[in-house]
């Protein structure tokens, strides 16, 4: 059954103005390196409403097992360590099965 991972980031106050571009570049590199990713859509908030999070990622996988492989993949973990850790004020995520 298809499986979806959604994560939202609120950037820390100290990040540079181009931090969203850094996140985008780091995330863009992952689908070609982690074969379990079926769909990978992400971007920064459009700024149309107050109180929104700064960045969102929606990733689809064929199964929960494929998500776990992605989650624990050394390339993904390295990207988190290099790009995300220490640069967030908050993070929220959810994983769920969808479809039939």
PDB file of N, CA and C in Angstrom:
ATOM      1  N   UNK A   1       0.851  -1.178   0.000  1.00  0.00           N
ATOM      2  CA  UNK A   1       0.000   0.000   0.000  1.00  0.00           C
ATOM      3  C   UNK A   1       0.899   1.245   0.000  1.00  0.00           C
ATOM      4  N   UNK A   2       0.580   2.231  -0.825  1.00  0.00           N
ATOM      5  CA  UNK A   2       1.398   3.454  -0.867  1.00  0.00           C
ATOM      6  C   UNK A   2       1.519   4.106   0.508  1.00  0.00           C
ATOM      7  N   UNK A   3       2.650   4.730   0.715  1.00  0.00           N
ATOM      8  CA  UNK A   3       2.985   5.306   2.013  1.00  0.00           C
ATOM      9  C   UNK A   3       3.547   6.706   1.802  1.00  0.00           C
ATOM     10  N   UNK A   4       3.071   7.654   2.605  1.00  0.00           N
ATOM     11  CA  UNK A   4       3.480   9.059   2.461  1.00  0.00           C
ATOM     12  C   UNK A   4       4.127   9.576   3.741  1.00  0.00           C
ATOM     13  N   UNK A   5       5.153  10.387   3.531  1.00  0.00           N
ATOM     14  CA  UNK A   5       5.882  11.064   4.612  1.00  0.00           C
ATOM     15  C   UNK A   5       5.775  12.563   4.343  1.00  0.00           C
ATOM     16  N   UNK A   6       5.277  13.300   5.336  1.00  0.00           N
ATOM     17  CA  UNK A   6       5.163  14.754   5.230  1.00  0.00           C
ATOM     18  C   UNK A   6       5.933  15.359   6.400  1.00  0.00           C
ATOM     19  N   UNK A   7       6.802  16.310   6.096  1.00  0.00           N
ATOM     20  CA  UNK A   7       7.568  16.972   7.155  1.00  0.00           C
ATOM     21  C   UNK A   7       7.555  18.472   6.897  1.00  0.00           C
ATOM     22  N   UNK A   8       7.368  19.236   7.980  1.00  0.00           N
ATOM     23  CA  UNK A   8       7.378  20.700   7.903  1.00  0.00           C
ATOM     24  C   UNK A   8       8.486  21.225   8.798  1.00  0.00           C
ATOM     25  N   UNK A   9       9.155  22.246   8.298  1.00  0.00           N
ATOM     26  CA  UNK A   9      10.248  22.864   9.032  1.00  0.00           C
ATOM     27  C   UNK A   9       9.935  24.316   9.341  1.00  0.00           C
ATOM     28  N   UNK A  10      10.274  24.723  10.545  1.00  0.00           N
ATOM     29  CA  UNK A  10      10.312  26.144  10.918  1.00  0.00           C
ATOM     30  C   UNK A  10      11.786  26.456  11.156  1.00  0.00           C
ATOM     31  N   UNK A  11      12.321  27.354  10.353  1.00  0.00           N
ATOM     32  CA  UNK A  11      13.741  27.658  10.429  1.00  0.00           C
ATOM     33  C   UNK A  11      14.070  28.469  11.681  1.00  0.00           C
ATOM     34  N   UNK A  12      15.253  28.262  12.203  1.00  0.00           N
ATOM     35  CA  UNK A  12      15.747  29.047  13.339  1.00  0.00           C
ATOM     36  C   UNK A  12      16.031  30.466  12.873  1.00  0.00           C
ATOM     37  N   UNK A  13      15.996  31.397  13.802  1.00  0.00           N
ATOM     38  CA  UNK A  13      16.217  32.806  13.476  1.00  0.00           C
ATOM     39  C   UNK A  13      17.604  33.079  12.903  1.00  0.00           C
ATOM     40  N   UNK A  14      18.588  32.252  13.262  1.00  0.00           N
ATOM     41  CA  UNK A  14      19.967  32.529  12.854  1.00  0.00           C
ATOM     42  C   UNK A  14      20.318  32.069  11.438  1.00  0.00           C
ATOM     43  N   UNK A  15      19.419  31.349  10.747  1.00  0.00           N
ATOM     44  CA  UNK A  15      19.797  30.824   9.435  1.00  0.00           C
ATOM     45  C   UNK A  15      19.927  31.969   8.427  1.00  0.00           C
ATOM     46  N   UNK A  16      20.809  31.813   7.428  1.00  0.00           N
ATOM     47  CA  UNK A  16      20.988  32.861   6.430  1.00  0.00           C
ATOM     48  C   UNK A  16      19.765  32.976   5.513  1.00  0.00           C
ATOM     49  N   UNK A  17      19.677  34.081   4.812  1.00  0.00           N
ATOM     50  CA  UNK A  17      18.545  34.329   3.920  1.00  0.00           C
ATOM     51  C   UNK A  17      18.405  33.267   2.839  1.00  0.00           C
ATOM     52  N   UNK A  18      19.499  32.651   2.448  1.00  0.00           N
ATOM     53  CA  UNK A  18      19.447  31.644   1.389  1.00  0.00           C
ATOM     54  C   UNK A  18      19.300  30.220   1.925  1.00  0.00           C
ATOM     55  N   UNK A  19      18.913  30.070   3.176  1.00  0.00           N
ATOM     56  CA  UNK A  19      18.825  28.736   3.763  1.00  0.00           C
ATOM     57  C   UNK A  19      17.814  27.848   3.034  1.00  0.00           C
ATOM     58  N   UNK A  20      16.675  28.395   2.622  1.00  0.00           N
ATOM     59  CA  UNK A  20      15.695  27.587   1.875  1.00  0.00           C
ATOM     60  C   UNK A  20      16.323  27.043   0.599  1.00  0.00           C
ATOM     61  N   UNK A  21      17.174  27.816  -0.043  1.00  0.00           N
ATOM     62  CA  UNK A  21      17.865  27.340  -1.245  1.00  0.00           C
ATOM     63  C   UNK A  21      18.815  26.193  -0.912  1.00  0.00           C
ATOM     64  N   UNK A  22      19.463  26.266   0.238  1.00  0.00           N
ATOM     65  CA  UNK A  22      20.352  25.190   0.674  1.00  0.00           C
ATOM     66  C   UNK A  22      19.564  23.903   0.937  1.00  0.00           C
ATOM     67  N   UNK A  23      18.422  24.047   1.598  1.00  0.00           N
ATOM     68  CA  UNK A  23      17.569  22.892   1.877  1.00  0.00           C
ATOM     69  C   UNK A  23      17.075  22.297   0.557  1.00  0.00           C
ATOM     70  N   UNK A  24      16.623  23.147  -0.336  1.00  0.00           N
ATOM     71  CA  UNK A  24      16.121  22.684  -1.630  1.00  0.00           C
ATOM     72  C   UNK A  24      17.193  21.883  -2.381  1.00  0.00           C
ATOM     73  N   UNK A  25      18.388  22.405  -2.450  1.00  0.00           N
ATOM     74  CA  UNK A  25      19.469  21.716  -3.155  1.00  0.00           C
ATOM     75  C   UNK A  25      19.795  20.370  -2.504  1.00  0.00           C
ATOM     76  N   UNK A  26      19.824  20.342  -1.180  1.00  0.00           N
ATOM     77  CA  UNK A  26      20.131  19.097  -0.472  1.00  0.00           C
ATOM     78  C   UNK A  26      19.041  18.052  -0.709  1.00  0.00           C
ATOM     79  N   UNK A  27      17.787  18.475  -0.662  1.00  0.00           N
ATOM     80  CA  UNK A  27      16.689  17.538  -0.893  1.00  0.00           C
ATOM     81  C   UNK A  27      16.613  17.094  -2.345  1.00  0.00           C
ATOM     82  N   UNK A  28      16.880  18.007  -3.269  1.00  0.00           N
ATOM     83  CA  UNK A  28      16.839  17.655  -4.692  1.00  0.00           C
ATOM     84  C   UNK A  28      17.809  16.537  -5.041  1.00  0.00           C
ATOM     85  N   UNK A  29      18.887  16.417  -4.303  1.00  0.00           N
ATOM     86  CA  UNK A  29      19.903  15.401  -4.596  1.00  0.00           C
ATOM     87  C   UNK A  29      19.480  13.992  -4.177  1.00  0.00           C
ATOM     88  N   UNK A  30      18.527  13.866  -3.276  1.00  0.00           N
ATOM     89  CA  UNK A  30      18.226  12.555  -2.691  1.00  0.00           C
ATOM     90  C   UNK A  30      17.533  11.563  -3.627  1.00  0.00           C
ATOM     91  N   UNK A  31      16.534  11.959  -4.421  1.00  0.00           N
ATOM     92  CA  UNK A  31      15.839  10.941  -5.230  1.00  0.00           C
ATOM     93  C   UNK A  31      16.745  10.153  -6.173  1.00  0.00           C
ATOM     94  N   UNK A  32      17.768  10.753  -6.700  1.00  0.00           N
ATOM     95  CA  UNK A  32      18.658  10.012  -7.603  1.00  0.00           C
ATOM     96  C   UNK A  32      19.598   9.074  -6.838  1.00  0.00           C
ATOM     97  N   UNK A  33      19.653   9.220  -5.521  1.00  0.00           N
ATOM     98  CA  UNK A  33      20.566   8.412  -4.706  1.00  0.00           C
ATOM     99  C   UNK A  33      19.859   7.369  -3.842  1.00  0.00           C
ATOM    100  N   UNK A  34      18.546   7.516  -3.683  1.00  0.00           N
ATOM    101  CA  UNK A  34      17.784   6.595  -2.839  1.00  0.00           C
ATOM    102  C   UNK A  34      16.621   6.068  -3.673  1.00  0.00           C
ATOM    103  N   UNK A  35      16.739   4.852  -4.140  1.00  0.00           N
ATOM    104  CA  UNK A  35      15.794   4.312  -5.128  1.00  0.00           C
ATOM    105  C   UNK A  35      14.389   4.078  -4.579  1.00  0.00           C
ATOM    106  N   UNK A  36      14.215   4.037  -3.288  1.00  0.00           N
ATOM    107  CA  UNK A  36      12.896   3.785  -2.708  1.00  0.00           C
ATOM    108  C   UNK A  36      11.946   4.980  -2.859  1.00  0.00           C
ATOM    109  N   UNK A  37      12.469   6.160  -3.135  1.00  0.00           N
ATOM    110  CA  UNK A  37      11.625   7.356  -3.278  1.00  0.00           C
ATOM    111  C   UNK A  37      10.849   7.259  -4.588  1.00  0.00           C
ATOM    112  N   UNK A  38       9.522   7.366  -4.508  1.00  0.00           N
ATOM    113  CA  UNK A  38       8.665   7.351  -5.698  1.00  0.00           C
ATOM    114  C   UNK A  38       8.294   8.761  -6.142  1.00  0.00           C
ATOM    115  N   UNK A  39       8.044   9.622  -5.200  1.00  0.00           N
ATOM    116  CA  UNK A  39       7.709  11.020  -5.497  1.00  0.00           C
ATOM    117  C   UNK A  39       8.301  11.868  -4.383  1.00  0.00           C
ATOM    118  N   UNK A  40       8.829  13.036  -4.753  1.00  0.00           N
ATOM    119  CA  UNK A  40       9.519  13.876  -3.774  1.00  0.00           C
ATOM    120  C   UNK A  40       9.237  15.323  -4.147  1.00  0.00           C
ATOM    121  N   UNK A  41       8.307  15.930  -3.440  1.00  0.00           N
ATOM    122  CA  UNK A  41       7.885  17.297  -3.731  1.00  0.00           C
ATOM    123  C   UNK A  41       8.144  18.130  -2.485  1.00  0.00           C
ATOM    124  N   UNK A  42       8.781  19.274  -2.665  1.00  0.00           N
ATOM    125  CA  UNK A  42       9.104  20.113  -1.513  1.00  0.00           C
ATOM    126  C   UNK A  42       9.254  21.561  -1.956  1.00  0.00           C
ATOM    127  N   UNK A  43       9.120  22.469  -0.985  1.00  0.00           N
ATOM    128  CA  UNK A  43       9.302  23.882  -1.308  1.00  0.00           C
ATOM    129  C   UNK A  43       9.067  24.759  -0.100  1.00  0.00           C
ATOM    130  N   UNK A  44       9.442  26.033  -0.272  1.00  0.00           N
ATOM    131  CA  UNK A  44       9.247  26.985   0.816  1.00  0.00           C
ATOM    132  C   UNK A  44       7.856  27.583   0.742  1.00  0.00           C
ATOM    133  N   UNK A  45       7.393  28.070   1.883  1.00  0.00           N
ATOM    134  CA  UNK A  45       6.057  28.631   1.998  1.00  0.00           C
ATOM    135  C   UNK A  45       5.895  29.818   1.058  1.00  0.00           C
ATOM    136  N   UNK A  46       4.727  29.937   0.456  1.00  0.00           N
ATOM    137  CA  UNK A  46       4.435  31.010  -0.493  1.00  0.00           C
ATOM    138  C   UNK A  46       4.184  32.352   0.191  1.00  0.00           C
ATOM    139  N   UNK A  47       4.054  32.354   1.519  1.00  0.00           N
ATOM    140  CA  UNK A  47       3.891  33.608   2.239  1.00  0.00           C
ATOM    141  C   UNK A  47       2.506  34.213   2.144  1.00  0.00           C
ATOM    142  N   UNK A  48       1.493  33.400   1.919  1.00  0.00           N
ATOM    143  CA  UNK A  48       0.134  33.912   1.746  1.00  0.00           C
ATOM    144  C   UNK A  48      -0.663  33.977   3.041  1.00  0.00           C
ATOM    145  N   UNK A  49      -0.144  33.377   4.106  1.00  0.00           N
ATOM    146  CA  UNK A  49      -0.849  33.376   5.386  1.00  0.00           C
ATOM    147  C   UNK A  49       0.156  33.458   6.523  1.00  0.00           C
ATOM    148  N   UNK A  50      -0.174  34.229   7.536  1.00  0.00           N
ATOM    149  CA  UNK A  50       0.675  34.324   8.718  1.00  0.00           C
ATOM    150  C   UNK A  50       0.650  33.008   9.490  1.00  0.00           C
ATOM    151  N   UNK A  51       1.748  32.691  10.131  1.00  0.00           N
ATOM    152  CA  UNK A  51       1.803  31.525  10.998  1.00  0.00           C
ATOM    153  C   UNK A  51       2.138  30.226  10.304  1.00  0.00           C
ATOM    154  N   UNK A  52       2.339  30.237   8.988  1.00  0.00           N
ATOM    155  CA  UNK A  52       2.710  29.009   8.284  1.00  0.00           C
ATOM    156  C   UNK A  52       4.139  28.607   8.606  1.00  0.00           C
ATOM    157  N   UNK A  53       4.444  27.348   8.380  1.00  0.00           N
ATOM    158  CA  UNK A  53       5.792  26.841   8.518  1.00  0.00           C
ATOM    159  C   UNK A  53       6.617  27.336   7.333  1.00  0.00           C
ATOM    160  N   UNK A  54       7.930  27.246   7.434  1.00  0.00           N
ATOM    161  CA  UNK A  54       8.807  27.799   6.409  1.00  0.00           C
ATOM    162  C   UNK A  54       9.004  26.888   5.199  1.00  0.00           C
ATOM    163  N   UNK A  55       8.987  25.579   5.403  1.00  0.00           N
ATOM    164  CA  UNK A  55       9.331  24.655   4.322  1.00  0.00           C
ATOM    165  C   UNK A  55       8.581  23.350   4.536  1.00  0.00           C
ATOM    166  N   UNK A  56       8.216  22.682   3.442  1.00  0.00           N
ATOM    167  CA  UNK A  56       7.511  21.401   3.537  1.00  0.00           C
ATOM    168  C   UNK A  56       8.079  20.408   2.530  1.00  0.00           C
ATOM    169  N   UNK A  57       8.033  19.138   2.921  1.00  0.00           N
ATOM    170  CA  UNK A  57       8.420  18.032   2.053  1.00  0.00           C
ATOM    171  C   UNK A  57       7.301  17.003   2.082  1.00  0.00           C
ATOM    172  N   UNK A  58       6.910  16.503   0.903  1.00  0.00           N
ATOM    173  CA  UNK A  58       5.962  15.403   0.785  1.00  0.00           C
ATOM    174  C   UNK A  58       6.647  14.330  -0.049  1.00  0.00           C
ATOM    175  N   UNK A  59       6.866  13.177   0.558  1.00  0.00           N
ATOM    176  CA  UNK A  59       7.569  12.080  -0.107  1.00  0.00           C
ATOM    177  C   UNK A  59       6.689  10.843  -0.116  1.00  0.00           C
ATOM    178  N   UNK A  60       6.630  10.183  -1.276  1.00  0.00           N
ATOM    179  CA  UNK A  60       5.834   8.968  -1.415  1.00  0.00           C
ATOM    180  C   UNK A  60       6.731   7.760  -1.650  1.00  0.00           C
ATOM    181  N   UNK A  61       6.280   6.633  -1.092  1.00  0.00           N
ATOM    182  CA  UNK A  61       7.003   5.371  -1.163  1.00  0.00           C
ATOM    183  C   UNK A  61       6.010   4.261  -1.483  1.00  0.00           C
ATOM    184  N   UNK A  62       6.503   3.142  -1.967  1.00  0.00           N
ATOM    185  CA  UNK A  62       5.623   2.013  -2.256  1.00  0.00           C
ATOM    186  C   UNK A  62       5.118   1.325  -0.999  1.00  0.00           C
ATOM    187  N   UNK A  63       5.851   1.477   0.102  1.00  0.00           N
ATOM    188  CA  UNK A  63       5.476   0.782   1.340  1.00  0.00           C
ATOM    189  C   UNK A  63       6.108   1.469   2.543  1.00  0.00           C
ATOM    190  N   UNK A  64       5.627   1.100   3.714  1.00  0.00           N
ATOM    191  CA  UNK A  64       6.227   1.606   4.948  1.00  0.00           C
ATOM    192  C   UNK A  64       7.672   1.133   5.065  1.00  0.00           C
ATOM    193  N   UNK A  65       7.951  -0.085   4.614  1.00  0.00           N
ATOM    194  CA  UNK A  65       9.330  -0.591   4.648  1.00  0.00           C
ATOM    195  C   UNK A  65      10.255   0.280   3.796  1.00  0.00           C
ATOM    196  N   UNK A  66       9.775   0.709   2.629  1.00  0.00           N
ATOM    197  CA  UNK A  66      10.589   1.584   1.780  1.00  0.00           C
ATOM    198  C   UNK A  66      10.835   2.929   2.456  1.00  0.00           C
ATOM    199  N   UNK A  67       9.818   3.436   3.163  1.00  0.00           N
ATOM    200  CA  UNK A  67      10.021   4.674   3.920  1.00  0.00           C
ATOM    201  C   UNK A  67      11.117   4.487   4.972  1.00  0.00           C
ATOM    202  N   UNK A  68      11.076   3.388   5.702  1.00  0.00           N
ATOM    203  CA  UNK A  68      12.071   3.135   6.751  1.00  0.00           C
ATOM    204  C   UNK A  68      13.473   3.037   6.136  1.00  0.00           C
ATOM    205  N   UNK A  69      13.569   2.394   4.983  1.00  0.00           N
ATOM    206  CA  UNK A  69      14.859   2.323   4.298  1.00  0.00           C
ATOM    207  C   UNK A  69      15.360   3.732   3.976  1.00  0.00           C
ATOM    208  N   UNK A  70      14.486   4.578   3.448  1.00  0.00           N
ATOM    209  CA  UNK A  70      14.827   5.984   3.169  1.00  0.00           C
ATOM    210  C   UNK A  70      15.208   6.723   4.449  1.00  0.00           C
ATOM    211  N   UNK A  71      14.379   6.587   5.472  1.00  0.00           N
ATOM    212  CA  UNK A  71      14.604   7.289   6.737  1.00  0.00           C
ATOM    213  C   UNK A  71      15.979   6.989   7.308  1.00  0.00           C
ATOM    214  N   UNK A  72      16.373   5.725   7.229  1.00  0.00           N
ATOM    215  CA  UNK A  72      17.624   5.286   7.831  1.00  0.00           C
ATOM    216  C   UNK A  72      18.805   5.289   6.859  1.00  0.00           C
ATOM    217  N   UNK A  73      18.555   5.626   5.614  1.00  0.00           N
ATOM    218  CA  UNK A  73      19.599   5.570   4.592  1.00  0.00           C
ATOM    219  C   UNK A  73      20.754   6.503   4.964  1.00  0.00           C
ATOM    220  N   UNK A  74      21.999   6.052   4.851  1.00  0.00           N
ATOM    221  CA  UNK A  74      23.142   6.884   5.247  1.00  0.00           C
ATOM    222  C   UNK A  74      23.228   8.213   4.493  1.00  0.00           C
ATOM    223  N   UNK A  75      22.829   8.242   3.234  1.00  0.00           N
ATOM    224  CA  UNK A  75      22.872   9.505   2.482  1.00  0.00           C
ATOM    225  C   UNK A  75      21.836  10.483   3.039  1.00  0.00           C
ATOM    226  N   UNK A  76      20.645   9.986   3.355  1.00  0.00           N
ATOM    227  CA  UNK A  76      19.612  10.832   3.962  1.00  0.00           C
ATOM    228  C   UNK A  76      20.069  11.329   5.332  1.00  0.00           C
ATOM    229  N   UNK A  77      20.608  10.429   6.132  1.00  0.00           N
ATOM    230  CA  UNK A  77      21.077  10.806   7.467  1.00  0.00           C
ATOM    231  C   UNK A  77      22.207  11.838   7.392  1.00  0.00           C
ATOM    232  N   UNK A  78      23.085  11.707   6.417  1.00  0.00           N
ATOM    233  CA  UNK A  78      24.167  12.676   6.247  1.00  0.00           C
ATOM    234  C   UNK A  78      23.618  14.043   5.848  1.00  0.00           C
ATOM    235  N   UNK A  79      22.617  14.065   4.953  1.00  0.00           N
ATOM    236  CA  UNK A  79      21.990  15.325   4.561  1.00  0.00           C
ATOM    237  C   UNK A  79      21.368  16.015   5.776  1.00  0.00           C
ATOM    238  N   UNK A  80      20.692  15.244   6.615  1.00  0.00           N
ATOM    239  CA  UNK A  80      20.090  15.814   7.824  1.00  0.00           C
ATOM    240  C   UNK A  80      21.181  16.411   8.708  1.00  0.00           C
ATOM    241  N   UNK A  81      22.228  15.663   8.916  1.00  0.00           N
ATOM    242  CA  UNK A  81      23.332  16.127   9.757  1.00  0.00           C
ATOM    243  C   UNK A  81      23.988  17.390   9.204  1.00  0.00           C
ATOM    244  N   UNK A  82      24.216  17.401   7.893  1.00  0.00           N
ATOM    245  CA  UNK A  82      24.911  18.527   7.263  1.00  0.00           C
ATOM    246  C   UNK A  82      24.053  19.772   7.094  1.00  0.00           C
ATOM    247  N   UNK A  83      22.751  19.591   6.865  1.00  0.00           N
ATOM    248  CA  UNK A  83      21.907  20.710   6.433  1.00  0.00           C
ATOM    249  C   UNK A  83      20.836  21.105   7.440  1.00  0.00           C
ATOM    250  N   UNK A  84      20.277  20.146   8.146  1.00  0.00           N
ATOM    251  CA  UNK A  84      19.096  20.410   8.969  1.00  0.00           C
ATOM    252  C   UNK A  84      19.438  20.626  10.448  1.00  0.00           C
ATOM    253  N   UNK A  85      20.239  19.749  11.005  1.00  0.00           N
ATOM    254  CA  UNK A  85      20.534  19.798  12.441  1.00  0.00           C
ATOM    255  C   UNK A  85      21.122  21.154  12.831  1.00  0.00           C
ATOM    256  N   UNK A  86      20.528  21.745  13.864  1.00  0.00           N
ATOM    257  CA  UNK A  86      20.993  23.026  14.377  1.00  0.00           C
ATOM    258  C   UNK A  86      20.423  24.237  13.670  1.00  0.00           C
ATOM    259  N   UNK A  87      19.594  24.008  12.649  1.00  0.00           N
ATOM    260  CA  UNK A  87      19.058  25.123  11.874  1.00  0.00           C
ATOM    261  C   UNK A  87      17.543  25.255  11.945  1.00  0.00           C
ATOM    262  N   UNK A  88      16.919  24.486  12.838  1.00  0.00           N
ATOM    263  CA  UNK A  88      15.463  24.523  12.949  1.00  0.00           C
ATOM    264  C   UNK A  88      15.014  25.025  14.310  1.00  0.00           C
ATOM    265  N   UNK A  89      13.911  25.755  14.295  1.00  0.00           N
ATOM    266  CA  UNK A  89      13.230  26.106  15.541  1.00  0.00           C
ATOM    267  C   UNK A  89      12.232  25.006  15.902  1.00  0.00           C
ATOM    268  N   UNK A  90      11.607  24.411  14.864  1.00  0.00           N
ATOM    269  CA  UNK A  90      10.623  23.351  15.058  1.00  0.00           C
ATOM    270  C   UNK A  90      10.577  22.460  13.834  1.00  0.00           C
ATOM    271  N   UNK A  91      10.127  21.235  14.060  1.00  0.00           N
ATOM    272  CA  UNK A  91       9.912  20.274  12.990  1.00  0.00           C
ATOM    273  C   UNK A  91       8.673  19.473  13.345  1.00  0.00           C
ATOM    274  N   UNK A  92       7.837  19.227  12.357  1.00  0.00           N
ATOM    275  CA  UNK A  92       6.663  18.378  12.549  1.00  0.00           C
ATOM    276  C   UNK A  92       6.596  17.413  11.374  1.00  0.00           C
ATOM    277  N   UNK A  93       6.190  16.174  11.658  1.00  0.00           N
ATOM    278  CA  UNK A  93       6.066  15.212  10.570  1.00  0.00           C
ATOM    279  C   UNK A  93       4.943  14.232  10.851  1.00  0.00           C
ATOM    280  N   UNK A  94       4.517  13.592   9.770  1.00  0.00           N
ATOM    281  CA  UNK A  94       3.501  12.534   9.855  1.00  0.00           C
ATOM    282  C   UNK A  94       3.783  11.561   8.723  1.00  0.00           C
ATOM    283  N   UNK A  95       3.498  10.287   8.978  1.00  0.00           N
ATOM    284  CA  UNK A  95       3.585   9.269   7.968  1.00  0.00           C
ATOM    285  C   UNK A  95       2.246   8.529   7.955  1.00  0.00           C
ATOM    286  N   UNK A  96       1.769   8.185   6.737  1.00  0.00           N
ATOM    287  CA  UNK A  96       0.491   7.503   6.666  1.00  0.00           C
ATOM    288  C   UNK A  96       0.365   6.700   5.371  1.00  0.00           C
ATOM    289  N   UNK A  97      -0.471   5.667   5.442  1.00  0.00           N
ATOM    290  CA  UNK A  97      -0.813   4.884   4.259  1.00  0.00           C
ATOM    291  C   UNK A  97      -1.955   5.578   3.538  1.00  0.00           C
ATOM    292  N   UNK A  98      -1.976   5.470   2.213  1.00  0.00           N
ATOM    293  CA  UNK A  98      -3.066   6.083   1.452  1.00  0.00           C
ATOM    294  C   UNK A  98      -3.391   5.206   0.252  1.00  0.00           C
ATOM    295  N   UNK A  99      -4.541   5.447  -0.327  1.00  0.00           N
ATOM    296  CA  UNK A  99      -4.944   4.686  -1.505  1.00  0.00           C
ATOM    297  C   UNK A  99      -5.406   3.282  -1.130  1.00  0.00           C
ATOM    298  N   UNK A 100      -5.419   2.456  -2.137  1.00  0.00           N
ATOM    299  CA  UNK A 100      -5.901   1.076  -1.941  1.00  0.00           C
ATOM    300  C   UNK A 100      -4.835   0.079  -2.229  1.00  0.00           C
TER     301      UNK A 100
END
